[in-house]
N, C-alpha and C. Protein backbone atom coordinates (compact mmCIF):
# COMPACT_ATOMS: atom_id res chain seq x y z
N THR A 1 -49.72 166.13 70.02
CA THR A 1 -50.14 167.25 70.85
C THR A 1 -49.09 167.53 71.90
N MET A 2 -48.71 168.79 72.02
CA MET A 2 -47.71 169.23 72.98
C MET A 2 -48.36 170.14 74.00
N GLY A 3 -47.93 170.05 75.26
CA GLY A 3 -48.48 170.90 76.29
C GLY A 3 -49.82 170.39 76.80
N SER A 4 -50.42 171.19 77.70
CA SER A 4 -51.68 170.79 78.32
C SER A 4 -52.46 172.02 78.74
N ASP A 5 -53.77 171.94 78.66
CA ASP A 5 -54.61 173.06 79.10
C ASP A 5 -54.98 172.98 80.57
N GLY A 6 -54.70 171.85 81.21
CA GLY A 6 -55.14 171.68 82.58
C GLY A 6 -54.01 171.61 83.58
N SER A 7 -52.92 172.27 83.29
CA SER A 7 -51.76 172.19 84.18
C SER A 7 -51.20 173.59 84.41
N ASP A 8 -49.92 173.69 84.68
CA ASP A 8 -49.30 174.99 84.92
C ASP A 8 -49.42 175.88 83.68
N PRO A 9 -49.55 177.19 83.88
CA PRO A 9 -49.74 178.07 82.72
C PRO A 9 -48.57 178.07 81.74
N ASN A 10 -47.37 177.75 82.22
CA ASN A 10 -46.25 177.73 81.27
C ASN A 10 -46.26 176.48 80.40
N GLU A 11 -47.17 175.54 80.70
CA GLU A 11 -47.30 174.32 79.90
C GLU A 11 -48.49 174.40 78.94
N ALA A 12 -49.15 175.55 78.90
CA ALA A 12 -50.34 175.74 78.08
C ALA A 12 -50.06 176.79 76.98
N PRO A 13 -50.87 176.76 75.93
CA PRO A 13 -51.98 175.84 75.67
C PRO A 13 -51.50 174.56 75.00
N ALA A 14 -52.35 173.53 75.06
CA ALA A 14 -52.09 172.34 74.26
C ALA A 14 -52.13 172.75 72.79
N HIS A 15 -51.17 172.28 72.03
CA HIS A 15 -51.12 172.67 70.62
C HIS A 15 -50.48 171.54 69.81
N VAL A 16 -50.85 171.49 68.54
CA VAL A 16 -50.37 170.43 67.67
C VAL A 16 -49.09 170.89 66.98
N VAL A 17 -48.08 170.02 67.01
CA VAL A 17 -46.80 170.31 66.37
C VAL A 17 -46.51 169.21 65.36
N ASP A 18 -46.12 169.58 64.17
CA ASP A 18 -45.76 168.61 63.14
C ASP A 18 -44.24 168.54 63.06
N LEU A 19 -43.68 167.38 63.41
CA LEU A 19 -42.23 167.25 63.45
C LEU A 19 -41.74 166.33 62.34
N PRO A 20 -40.65 166.70 61.66
CA PRO A 20 -40.00 165.76 60.75
C PRO A 20 -39.47 164.57 61.54
N THR A 21 -39.26 163.46 60.86
CA THR A 21 -38.70 162.27 61.51
C THR A 21 -37.31 162.57 62.04
N PHE A 22 -37.02 162.03 63.22
CA PHE A 22 -35.69 162.18 63.81
C PHE A 22 -35.37 160.94 64.63
N TYR A 23 -34.11 160.78 64.95
CA TYR A 23 -33.66 159.69 65.81
C TYR A 23 -33.17 160.27 67.13
N MET A 24 -33.57 159.67 68.24
CA MET A 24 -33.10 160.12 69.55
C MET A 24 -32.31 159.00 70.21
N ASP A 25 -31.22 159.37 70.89
CA ASP A 25 -30.45 158.38 71.62
C ASP A 25 -31.32 157.66 72.65
N ARG A 26 -31.14 156.36 72.75
CA ARG A 26 -31.92 155.57 73.71
C ARG A 26 -31.58 155.96 75.14
N PHE A 27 -30.32 156.29 75.39
CA PHE A 27 -29.86 156.60 76.74
C PHE A 27 -29.27 158.01 76.82
N GLU A 28 -29.22 158.52 78.04
CA GLU A 28 -28.49 159.76 78.30
C GLU A 28 -27.00 159.53 78.06
N VAL A 29 -26.30 160.57 77.67
CA VAL A 29 -24.85 160.47 77.46
C VAL A 29 -24.19 160.15 78.79
N THR A 30 -23.33 159.15 78.79
CA THR A 30 -22.70 158.67 80.03
C THR A 30 -21.34 159.33 80.27
N ASN A 31 -20.83 159.11 81.47
CA ASN A 31 -19.48 159.57 81.79
C ASN A 31 -18.45 158.95 80.84
N ALA A 32 -18.62 157.67 80.53
CA ALA A 32 -17.69 157.01 79.63
C ALA A 32 -17.75 157.61 78.23
N ASP A 33 -18.95 157.91 77.77
CA ASP A 33 -19.10 158.56 76.47
C ASP A 33 -18.36 159.90 76.45
N PHE A 34 -18.59 160.68 77.50
CA PHE A 34 -18.01 162.02 77.55
C PHE A 34 -16.49 161.95 77.68
N ALA A 35 -15.99 160.97 78.43
CA ALA A 35 -14.54 160.80 78.58
C ALA A 35 -13.89 160.48 77.24
N MET A 36 -14.57 159.68 76.43
CA MET A 36 -14.06 159.35 75.10
C MET A 36 -13.93 160.62 74.25
N PHE A 37 -14.93 161.48 74.34
CA PHE A 37 -14.91 162.76 73.63
C PHE A 37 -13.75 163.64 74.11
N VAL A 38 -13.58 163.74 75.42
CA VAL A 38 -12.52 164.56 75.99
C VAL A 38 -11.14 164.04 75.57
N GLU A 39 -10.98 162.71 75.62
CA GLU A 39 -9.70 162.12 75.25
C GLU A 39 -9.37 162.37 73.79
N ALA A 40 -10.39 162.32 72.94
CA ALA A 40 -10.17 162.48 71.50
C ALA A 40 -9.91 163.93 71.11
N THR A 41 -10.45 164.86 71.85
CA THR A 41 -10.41 166.26 71.43
C THR A 41 -9.64 167.19 72.36
N GLY A 42 -9.38 166.74 73.59
CA GLY A 42 -8.76 167.62 74.57
C GLY A 42 -9.72 168.65 75.13
N TYR A 43 -11.00 168.42 74.95
CA TYR A 43 -12.01 169.40 75.38
C TYR A 43 -11.97 169.61 76.89
N GLN A 44 -12.11 170.85 77.29
CA GLN A 44 -12.28 171.22 78.70
C GLN A 44 -13.67 171.83 78.88
N THR A 45 -14.41 171.33 79.85
CA THR A 45 -15.74 171.87 80.09
C THR A 45 -15.62 173.31 80.60
N GLU A 46 -16.71 174.02 80.49
CA GLU A 46 -16.71 175.40 80.97
C GLU A 46 -16.47 175.45 82.47
N GLY A 47 -16.96 174.47 83.20
CA GLY A 47 -16.70 174.42 84.64
C GLY A 47 -15.23 174.25 84.95
N GLU A 48 -14.54 173.40 84.18
CA GLU A 48 -13.10 173.23 84.36
C GLU A 48 -12.36 174.52 84.03
N GLN A 49 -12.77 175.19 82.97
CA GLN A 49 -12.11 176.42 82.56
C GLN A 49 -12.24 177.52 83.61
N ARG A 50 -13.40 177.57 84.28
CA ARG A 50 -13.59 178.62 85.27
C ARG A 50 -13.18 178.20 86.68
N GLY A 51 -12.65 176.98 86.81
CA GLY A 51 -12.11 176.54 88.08
C GLY A 51 -13.14 176.09 89.10
N ASP A 52 -14.27 175.56 88.64
CA ASP A 52 -15.27 175.05 89.58
C ASP A 52 -14.67 173.98 90.46
N LYS A 53 -15.09 173.96 91.72
CA LYS A 53 -14.56 172.98 92.68
C LYS A 53 -14.93 171.56 92.27
N LYS A 54 -16.17 171.39 91.79
CA LYS A 54 -16.61 170.08 91.32
C LYS A 54 -16.92 170.17 89.83
N THR A 55 -16.41 169.21 89.07
CA THR A 55 -16.65 169.15 87.63
C THR A 55 -17.19 167.76 87.29
N TRP A 56 -17.38 167.50 86.01
CA TRP A 56 -17.87 166.18 85.60
C TRP A 56 -16.96 165.06 86.07
N ARG A 57 -15.66 165.36 86.19
CA ARG A 57 -14.69 164.35 86.61
C ARG A 57 -14.93 163.90 88.05
N THR A 58 -15.49 164.78 88.87
CA THR A 58 -15.78 164.45 90.26
C THR A 58 -16.71 163.25 90.36
N TYR A 59 -17.57 163.09 89.37
CA TYR A 59 -18.62 162.06 89.41
C TYR A 59 -18.31 160.88 88.48
N PHE A 60 -17.07 160.79 88.03
CA PHE A 60 -16.73 159.79 87.01
C PHE A 60 -16.37 158.43 87.58
N GLU A 61 -15.44 158.37 88.50
CA GLU A 61 -14.87 157.10 88.95
C GLU A 61 -15.93 156.17 89.54
N GLY A 62 -15.99 154.97 89.01
CA GLY A 62 -16.97 154.00 89.48
C GLY A 62 -18.36 154.23 88.93
N LYS A 63 -18.53 155.28 88.16
CA LYS A 63 -19.85 155.61 87.60
C LYS A 63 -19.76 155.85 86.09
N GLU A 64 -18.95 155.02 85.46
CA GLU A 64 -18.73 155.22 84.03
C GLU A 64 -20.02 155.12 83.22
N ASN A 65 -20.96 154.31 83.66
CA ASN A 65 -22.20 154.12 82.91
C ASN A 65 -23.35 154.96 83.47
N HIS A 66 -23.03 155.93 84.33
CA HIS A 66 -24.03 156.89 84.81
C HIS A 66 -24.05 158.08 83.86
N PRO A 67 -25.15 158.82 83.82
CA PRO A 67 -25.18 160.01 82.95
C PRO A 67 -24.15 161.04 83.38
N VAL A 68 -23.49 161.64 82.42
CA VAL A 68 -22.56 162.72 82.74
C VAL A 68 -23.35 163.92 83.27
N VAL A 69 -22.79 164.57 84.30
CA VAL A 69 -23.40 165.75 84.89
C VAL A 69 -22.35 166.86 84.97
N LYS A 70 -22.77 168.00 85.49
CA LYS A 70 -21.88 169.18 85.56
C LYS A 70 -21.41 169.60 84.17
N VAL A 71 -22.34 169.52 83.22
CA VAL A 71 -22.05 169.96 81.85
C VAL A 71 -23.00 171.10 81.50
N THR A 72 -22.46 172.16 80.94
CA THR A 72 -23.27 173.29 80.52
C THR A 72 -23.93 173.00 79.18
N PHE A 73 -24.77 173.92 78.77
CA PHE A 73 -25.41 173.81 77.45
C PHE A 73 -24.35 173.72 76.35
N ASN A 74 -23.34 174.55 76.43
CA ASN A 74 -22.29 174.56 75.40
C ASN A 74 -21.48 173.27 75.42
N ASP A 75 -21.23 172.73 76.62
CA ASP A 75 -20.53 171.44 76.71
C ASP A 75 -21.34 170.35 76.02
N ALA A 76 -22.63 170.34 76.29
CA ALA A 76 -23.51 169.33 75.69
C ALA A 76 -23.54 169.48 74.17
N GLN A 77 -23.65 170.71 73.71
CA GLN A 77 -23.65 170.95 72.27
C GLN A 77 -22.36 170.46 71.62
N ALA A 78 -21.24 170.73 72.27
CA ALA A 78 -19.94 170.34 71.71
C ALA A 78 -19.85 168.83 71.56
N PHE A 79 -20.33 168.09 72.55
CA PHE A 79 -20.30 166.63 72.46
C PHE A 79 -21.18 166.15 71.31
N CYS A 80 -22.40 166.66 71.24
CA CYS A 80 -23.32 166.22 70.19
C CYS A 80 -22.75 166.49 68.81
N GLU A 81 -22.15 167.65 68.63
CA GLU A 81 -21.57 167.99 67.33
C GLU A 81 -20.41 167.04 66.99
N TRP A 82 -19.62 166.68 67.98
CA TRP A 82 -18.52 165.74 67.77
C TRP A 82 -19.05 164.39 67.30
N MET A 83 -20.22 164.03 67.78
CA MET A 83 -20.86 162.77 67.39
C MET A 83 -21.60 162.87 66.06
N GLY A 84 -21.62 164.07 65.48
CA GLY A 84 -22.40 164.26 64.25
C GLY A 84 -23.88 164.36 64.52
N LYS A 85 -24.22 164.76 65.73
CA LYS A 85 -25.62 164.86 66.14
C LYS A 85 -25.87 166.28 66.65
N ARG A 86 -26.94 166.44 67.43
CA ARG A 86 -27.29 167.74 68.00
C ARG A 86 -28.17 167.53 69.23
N LEU A 87 -28.40 168.58 69.98
CA LEU A 87 -29.35 168.52 71.08
C LEU A 87 -30.78 168.53 70.53
N PRO A 88 -31.71 167.87 71.21
CA PRO A 88 -33.09 167.90 70.75
C PRO A 88 -33.75 169.25 70.99
N THR A 89 -34.73 169.56 70.20
CA THR A 89 -35.60 170.69 70.53
C THR A 89 -36.55 170.23 71.64
N GLU A 90 -37.19 171.20 72.28
CA GLU A 90 -38.17 170.86 73.30
C GLU A 90 -39.30 170.02 72.71
N GLU A 91 -39.70 170.35 71.50
CA GLU A 91 -40.78 169.61 70.83
C GLU A 91 -40.38 168.16 70.59
N GLU A 92 -39.17 167.95 70.13
CA GLU A 92 -38.70 166.59 69.89
C GLU A 92 -38.62 165.81 71.19
N TRP A 93 -38.13 166.46 72.24
CA TRP A 93 -38.01 165.77 73.52
C TRP A 93 -39.39 165.30 74.01
N GLU A 94 -40.38 166.20 73.96
CA GLU A 94 -41.70 165.82 74.46
C GLU A 94 -42.32 164.72 73.60
N LYS A 95 -42.14 164.79 72.31
CA LYS A 95 -42.66 163.74 71.43
C LYS A 95 -42.06 162.39 71.79
N ALA A 96 -40.76 162.34 71.98
CA ALA A 96 -40.08 161.07 72.27
C ALA A 96 -40.50 160.51 73.63
N ALA A 97 -40.82 161.40 74.57
CA ALA A 97 -41.23 160.95 75.90
C ALA A 97 -42.70 160.62 75.98
N ARG A 98 -43.53 161.36 75.26
CA ARG A 98 -44.98 161.33 75.45
C ARG A 98 -45.71 160.46 74.44
N GLY A 99 -45.09 160.17 73.32
CA GLY A 99 -45.75 159.38 72.30
C GLY A 99 -46.86 160.15 71.62
N THR A 100 -47.85 159.42 71.12
CA THR A 100 -48.96 160.03 70.41
C THR A 100 -50.24 160.06 71.22
N ASP A 101 -50.21 159.48 72.43
CA ASP A 101 -51.44 159.37 73.22
C ASP A 101 -51.46 160.31 74.43
N GLN A 102 -50.58 161.32 74.42
CA GLN A 102 -50.58 162.38 75.44
C GLN A 102 -50.44 161.82 76.86
N ARG A 103 -49.60 160.85 77.03
CA ARG A 103 -49.42 160.21 78.34
C ARG A 103 -48.73 161.15 79.32
N ASP A 104 -48.99 160.94 80.60
CA ASP A 104 -48.42 161.79 81.65
C ASP A 104 -46.96 161.49 81.95
N PHE A 105 -46.60 160.22 81.79
CA PHE A 105 -45.23 159.77 82.04
C PHE A 105 -44.80 158.91 80.85
N PRO A 106 -43.52 158.72 80.64
CA PRO A 106 -43.10 157.96 79.46
C PRO A 106 -43.74 156.57 79.38
N TRP A 107 -44.01 155.95 80.53
CA TRP A 107 -44.56 154.60 80.54
C TRP A 107 -46.09 154.56 80.53
N GLY A 108 -46.76 155.68 80.75
CA GLY A 108 -48.22 155.69 80.80
C GLY A 108 -48.73 156.80 81.69
N ASP A 109 -49.95 156.65 82.19
CA ASP A 109 -50.56 157.72 82.98
C ASP A 109 -50.51 157.50 84.49
N LEU A 110 -50.16 156.31 84.93
CA LEU A 110 -50.14 156.01 86.37
C LEU A 110 -48.74 156.24 86.94
N TRP A 111 -48.67 156.99 88.01
CA TRP A 111 -47.40 157.28 88.69
C TRP A 111 -46.86 156.00 89.30
N ASP A 112 -45.57 155.71 89.08
CA ASP A 112 -44.96 154.47 89.56
C ASP A 112 -43.49 154.72 89.84
N THR A 113 -43.11 154.75 91.11
CA THR A 113 -41.73 155.09 91.47
C THR A 113 -40.74 153.97 91.18
N THR A 114 -41.23 152.81 90.75
CA THR A 114 -40.31 151.73 90.38
C THR A 114 -39.82 151.87 88.94
N ARG A 115 -40.36 152.88 88.24
CA ARG A 115 -40.03 153.03 86.82
C ARG A 115 -39.08 154.19 86.53
N ALA A 116 -38.62 154.89 87.57
CA ALA A 116 -37.74 156.04 87.35
C ALA A 116 -36.92 156.32 88.60
N ASN A 117 -35.76 156.89 88.40
CA ASN A 117 -34.90 157.31 89.51
C ASN A 117 -35.32 158.70 89.95
N VAL A 118 -36.18 158.76 90.97
CA VAL A 118 -36.74 160.01 91.47
C VAL A 118 -36.51 160.10 92.98
N LYS A 119 -36.97 161.17 93.58
CA LYS A 119 -36.74 161.39 95.01
C LYS A 119 -37.22 160.21 95.86
N LEU A 120 -38.43 159.73 95.58
CA LEU A 120 -39.00 158.66 96.39
C LEU A 120 -38.32 157.32 96.17
N THR A 121 -37.54 157.19 95.11
CA THR A 121 -36.79 155.96 94.89
C THR A 121 -35.72 155.79 95.96
N GLY A 122 -35.21 156.91 96.45
CA GLY A 122 -34.29 156.88 97.58
C GLY A 122 -32.81 156.77 97.25
N LEU A 123 -32.44 156.75 95.98
CA LEU A 123 -31.02 156.63 95.63
C LEU A 123 -30.24 157.89 95.95
N ARG A 124 -30.88 159.04 95.81
CA ARG A 124 -30.26 160.34 96.10
C ARG A 124 -29.01 160.59 95.27
N SER A 125 -28.97 160.01 94.10
CA SER A 125 -27.84 160.19 93.18
C SER A 125 -28.26 159.62 91.83
N THR A 126 -27.38 159.78 90.85
CA THR A 126 -27.66 159.20 89.54
C THR A 126 -27.63 157.68 89.60
N ALA A 127 -28.24 157.06 88.63
CA ALA A 127 -28.19 155.61 88.45
C ALA A 127 -27.62 155.32 87.07
N ALA A 128 -27.07 154.14 86.89
CA ALA A 128 -26.58 153.74 85.57
C ALA A 128 -27.73 153.85 84.57
N VAL A 129 -27.42 154.32 83.38
CA VAL A 129 -28.47 154.48 82.38
C VAL A 129 -29.10 153.12 82.08
N GLY A 130 -30.41 153.11 81.87
CA GLY A 130 -31.09 151.87 81.58
C GLY A 130 -31.45 151.03 82.79
N SER A 131 -31.23 151.57 83.99
CA SER A 131 -31.54 150.82 85.21
C SER A 131 -33.03 150.68 85.45
N PHE A 132 -33.82 151.52 84.80
CA PHE A 132 -35.28 151.51 84.99
C PHE A 132 -35.95 151.29 83.63
N SER A 133 -35.70 150.11 83.06
CA SER A 133 -36.19 149.84 81.71
C SER A 133 -37.71 149.83 81.64
N GLY A 134 -38.37 149.58 82.78
CA GLY A 134 -39.83 149.62 82.80
C GLY A 134 -40.40 151.00 82.59
N GLY A 135 -39.54 152.00 82.61
CA GLY A 135 -39.98 153.38 82.42
C GLY A 135 -39.75 153.91 81.03
N ALA A 136 -39.42 153.03 80.09
CA ALA A 136 -39.13 153.48 78.72
C ALA A 136 -40.36 154.10 78.07
N SER A 137 -40.12 155.01 77.16
CA SER A 137 -41.19 155.69 76.42
C SER A 137 -41.75 154.75 75.35
N PRO A 138 -42.82 155.15 74.67
CA PRO A 138 -43.38 154.29 73.60
C PRO A 138 -42.38 153.96 72.50
N TYR A 139 -41.34 154.77 72.37
CA TYR A 139 -40.34 154.54 71.34
C TYR A 139 -39.11 153.81 71.86
N GLY A 140 -39.16 153.37 73.12
CA GLY A 140 -38.04 152.65 73.70
C GLY A 140 -36.94 153.53 74.24
N VAL A 141 -37.20 154.82 74.37
CA VAL A 141 -36.20 155.74 74.92
C VAL A 141 -36.27 155.69 76.45
N GLU A 142 -35.14 155.51 77.11
CA GLU A 142 -35.12 155.25 78.55
C GLU A 142 -34.65 156.46 79.37
N ASP A 143 -35.08 156.47 80.63
CA ASP A 143 -34.69 157.50 81.61
C ASP A 143 -35.14 158.90 81.20
N MET A 144 -36.27 159.01 80.54
CA MET A 144 -36.79 160.33 80.21
C MET A 144 -37.57 160.94 81.37
N ALA A 145 -37.78 160.14 82.40
CA ALA A 145 -38.32 160.66 83.66
C ALA A 145 -37.28 160.36 84.74
N GLY A 146 -36.83 161.38 85.43
CA GLY A 146 -35.87 161.18 86.50
C GLY A 146 -34.45 160.96 86.01
N ASN A 147 -33.61 160.53 86.92
CA ASN A 147 -32.16 160.35 86.76
C ASN A 147 -31.49 161.72 86.63
N VAL A 148 -31.51 162.34 85.46
CA VAL A 148 -31.03 163.73 85.36
C VAL A 148 -31.94 164.54 84.45
N TRP A 149 -32.04 165.82 84.75
CA TRP A 149 -32.65 166.76 83.81
C TRP A 149 -31.85 166.72 82.52
N GLU A 150 -32.48 167.07 81.41
CA GLU A 150 -31.80 167.02 80.13
C GLU A 150 -31.92 168.35 79.39
N TRP A 151 -30.79 168.82 78.91
CA TRP A 151 -30.77 170.03 78.10
C TRP A 151 -31.55 169.83 76.81
N THR A 152 -32.26 170.87 76.37
CA THR A 152 -32.76 170.93 75.00
C THR A 152 -32.17 172.17 74.35
N ASN A 153 -32.39 172.30 73.07
CA ASN A 153 -31.85 173.43 72.32
C ASN A 153 -32.82 174.61 72.25
N SER A 154 -33.94 174.51 72.97
CA SER A 154 -35.00 175.51 72.83
C SER A 154 -34.91 176.60 73.90
N PRO A 155 -34.98 177.88 73.51
CA PRO A 155 -35.05 178.96 74.50
C PRO A 155 -36.33 178.81 75.33
N TYR A 156 -36.25 179.26 76.58
CA TYR A 156 -37.40 179.17 77.48
C TYR A 156 -38.31 180.37 77.25
N VAL A 157 -39.32 180.15 76.42
CA VAL A 157 -40.28 181.21 76.08
C VAL A 157 -41.69 180.62 76.13
N ALA A 158 -42.69 181.48 76.04
CA ALA A 158 -44.09 181.03 76.09
C ALA A 158 -44.43 180.20 74.85
N TYR A 159 -45.36 179.28 75.02
CA TYR A 159 -45.86 178.51 73.89
C TYR A 159 -46.66 179.42 72.95
N PRO A 160 -46.77 179.05 71.68
CA PRO A 160 -47.60 179.83 70.75
C PRO A 160 -49.04 179.93 71.26
N GLY A 161 -49.58 181.13 71.23
CA GLY A 161 -50.95 181.34 71.68
C GLY A 161 -51.11 181.62 73.15
N SER A 162 -50.02 181.57 73.90
CA SER A 162 -50.09 181.81 75.34
C SER A 162 -49.91 183.30 75.64
N THR A 163 -50.66 183.79 76.62
CA THR A 163 -50.49 185.16 77.08
C THR A 163 -49.74 185.20 78.41
N TYR A 164 -49.41 184.04 78.94
CA TYR A 164 -48.72 183.95 80.23
C TYR A 164 -47.25 184.36 80.05
N GLN A 165 -46.76 185.11 81.04
CA GLN A 165 -45.37 185.51 81.01
C GLN A 165 -44.66 185.08 82.31
N ASP A 166 -43.93 184.02 82.22
CA ASP A 166 -43.13 183.55 83.35
C ASP A 166 -41.96 184.52 83.53
N PRO A 167 -41.70 184.97 84.77
CA PRO A 167 -40.57 185.89 84.97
C PRO A 167 -39.22 185.28 84.59
N GLN A 168 -39.19 183.95 84.45
CA GLN A 168 -37.93 183.29 84.09
C GLN A 168 -37.76 183.13 82.57
N TYR A 169 -38.79 183.49 81.80
CA TYR A 169 -38.65 183.40 80.35
C TYR A 169 -37.46 184.24 79.90
N SER A 170 -36.62 183.66 79.06
CA SER A 170 -35.43 184.36 78.61
C SER A 170 -34.84 183.66 77.39
N ALA A 171 -34.41 184.45 76.42
CA ALA A 171 -33.72 183.89 75.27
C ALA A 171 -32.35 183.36 75.66
N GLU A 172 -31.88 183.75 76.85
CA GLU A 172 -30.56 183.30 77.33
C GLU A 172 -30.65 181.97 78.07
N ALA A 173 -31.87 181.52 78.38
CA ALA A 173 -32.07 180.24 79.07
C ALA A 173 -32.51 179.18 78.08
N ARG A 174 -32.22 177.94 78.39
CA ARG A 174 -32.66 176.82 77.57
C ARG A 174 -33.57 175.92 78.39
N VAL A 175 -34.58 175.39 77.73
CA VAL A 175 -35.52 174.49 78.39
C VAL A 175 -34.79 173.21 78.81
N THR A 176 -35.07 172.76 80.02
CA THR A 176 -34.60 171.45 80.48
C THR A 176 -35.81 170.59 80.76
N ARG A 177 -35.68 169.30 80.54
CA ARG A 177 -36.83 168.41 80.62
C ARG A 177 -36.51 167.14 81.40
N GLY A 178 -37.56 166.51 81.93
CA GLY A 178 -37.48 165.16 82.45
C GLY A 178 -37.29 165.00 83.94
N GLY A 179 -36.87 166.05 84.63
CA GLY A 179 -36.65 165.91 86.07
C GLY A 179 -35.41 165.08 86.37
N GLY A 180 -35.00 165.13 87.65
CA GLY A 180 -33.79 164.42 88.05
C GLY A 180 -34.02 163.51 89.24
N TRP A 181 -32.91 163.04 89.80
CA TRP A 181 -32.95 162.04 90.86
C TRP A 181 -33.51 162.56 92.19
N PHE A 182 -33.67 163.86 92.32
CA PHE A 182 -34.21 164.40 93.57
C PHE A 182 -35.54 165.11 93.34
N ASP A 183 -36.24 164.74 92.28
CA ASP A 183 -37.49 165.42 91.94
C ASP A 183 -38.71 164.54 92.18
N ASP A 184 -39.85 165.22 92.26
CA ASP A 184 -41.12 164.57 92.54
C ASP A 184 -41.92 164.33 91.27
N GLN A 185 -43.11 163.79 91.45
CA GLN A 185 -43.98 163.39 90.35
C GLN A 185 -44.20 164.49 89.32
N LYS A 186 -44.50 165.68 89.77
CA LYS A 186 -44.80 166.78 88.86
C LYS A 186 -43.62 167.10 87.96
N GLN A 187 -42.42 167.14 88.53
CA GLN A 187 -41.24 167.56 87.77
C GLN A 187 -40.84 166.56 86.69
N VAL A 188 -41.20 165.29 86.87
CA VAL A 188 -40.76 164.28 85.90
C VAL A 188 -41.85 163.92 84.90
N SER A 189 -42.95 164.66 84.89
CA SER A 189 -43.99 164.39 83.91
C SER A 189 -43.52 164.79 82.51
N THR A 190 -44.21 164.27 81.52
CA THR A 190 -43.78 164.51 80.13
C THR A 190 -44.03 165.94 79.67
N ILE A 191 -44.86 166.68 80.39
CA ILE A 191 -45.17 168.05 79.95
C ILE A 191 -44.47 169.12 80.78
N ASN A 192 -43.82 168.71 81.87
CA ASN A 192 -43.20 169.70 82.75
C ASN A 192 -42.06 170.43 82.06
N ARG A 193 -42.05 171.75 82.22
CA ARG A 193 -41.00 172.58 81.64
C ARG A 193 -40.20 173.23 82.76
N SER A 194 -38.89 173.15 82.65
CA SER A 194 -38.02 173.92 83.50
C SER A 194 -36.96 174.55 82.59
N ALA A 195 -36.02 175.26 83.16
CA ALA A 195 -35.02 175.92 82.33
C ALA A 195 -33.78 176.23 83.15
N ALA A 196 -32.69 176.46 82.45
CA ALA A 196 -31.44 176.84 83.10
C ALA A 196 -30.68 177.78 82.17
N LEU A 197 -29.95 178.70 82.76
CA LEU A 197 -29.07 179.54 81.97
C LEU A 197 -27.98 178.68 81.34
N VAL A 198 -27.49 179.09 80.18
CA VAL A 198 -26.61 178.22 79.40
C VAL A 198 -25.30 177.88 80.10
N LYS A 199 -24.89 178.67 81.08
CA LYS A 199 -23.63 178.40 81.79
C LYS A 199 -23.83 177.49 83.00
N THR A 200 -25.07 177.07 83.25
CA THR A 200 -25.37 176.24 84.41
C THR A 200 -24.74 174.86 84.28
N ALA A 201 -24.18 174.36 85.40
CA ALA A 201 -23.63 173.01 85.44
C ALA A 201 -23.98 172.41 86.80
N ASN A 202 -24.99 171.55 86.84
CA ASN A 202 -25.47 170.96 88.09
C ASN A 202 -25.21 169.47 88.14
N ASP A 203 -25.33 168.90 89.35
CA ASP A 203 -25.10 167.47 89.52
C ASP A 203 -26.33 166.64 89.20
N ASP A 204 -27.39 167.29 88.72
CA ASP A 204 -28.59 166.55 88.29
C ASP A 204 -29.02 166.99 86.90
N LEU A 205 -28.06 167.46 86.11
CA LEU A 205 -28.37 167.97 84.77
C LEU A 205 -27.40 167.38 83.75
N GLY A 206 -27.97 166.64 82.79
CA GLY A 206 -27.18 166.04 81.73
C GLY A 206 -27.85 166.26 80.37
N PHE A 207 -27.74 165.28 79.48
CA PHE A 207 -28.32 165.47 78.14
C PHE A 207 -28.28 164.17 77.36
N ARG A 208 -28.99 164.17 76.25
CA ARG A 208 -28.87 163.13 75.23
C ARG A 208 -28.93 163.81 73.87
N CYS A 209 -28.54 163.11 72.83
CA CYS A 209 -28.47 163.71 71.50
C CYS A 209 -29.55 163.15 70.59
N VAL A 210 -29.79 163.88 69.53
CA VAL A 210 -30.67 163.41 68.45
C VAL A 210 -29.94 163.56 67.12
N ALA A 211 -30.47 162.86 66.13
CA ALA A 211 -29.93 162.97 64.77
C ALA A 211 -31.08 163.10 63.80
N ASP A 212 -30.87 163.84 62.76
CA ASP A 212 -31.89 163.98 61.72
C ASP A 212 -32.00 162.71 60.91
N SER A 213 -33.20 162.43 60.46
CA SER A 213 -33.40 161.27 59.59
C SER A 213 -32.79 161.56 58.22
N ARG A 214 -32.11 160.58 57.67
CA ARG A 214 -31.42 160.80 56.39
C ARG A 214 -32.01 159.91 55.31
């Protein structure tokens, strides 16, 4: 079951989705992972190409095992493709975080700030991936709540059967999930939906990849 009938209108209605088997990365893509990709391919992020003052490199030194940030949707896609993988759909992301029992957070239904890098944790920055292993999802996927928001491949549109129209709905935006290091309980829940335009590159926005079952 995806979504909820008792929450924000953009998260409704609850509906059943049948997903083929897939594999999701246990951790968010790290700075070291992304550096390996850049070294192998000579890739320049869109932020670097447009001369942004801060790029992914700004957050690299001493944080090799932290999630890469300041990457756009296209940057994330390029990395996943290089790995022979892809970005998850919104449905896949929620399944991997929520399991089959419609839990509110990857670890269960009770809010616990010791299980995720969120605003109340007090770090005010990214943490090394896997630092909050107690927050793993039923499938062992880590950091799906907090640390960084994660790109999905899904346009930000209404759920099937919904009559609600969010003014931010757009085929040009992609759904982001999971909340980041400066977010509260609501933003890091398994059903919370946010979105960003594909050219967005923030210091609390990263990604992880998935692969199809073979």
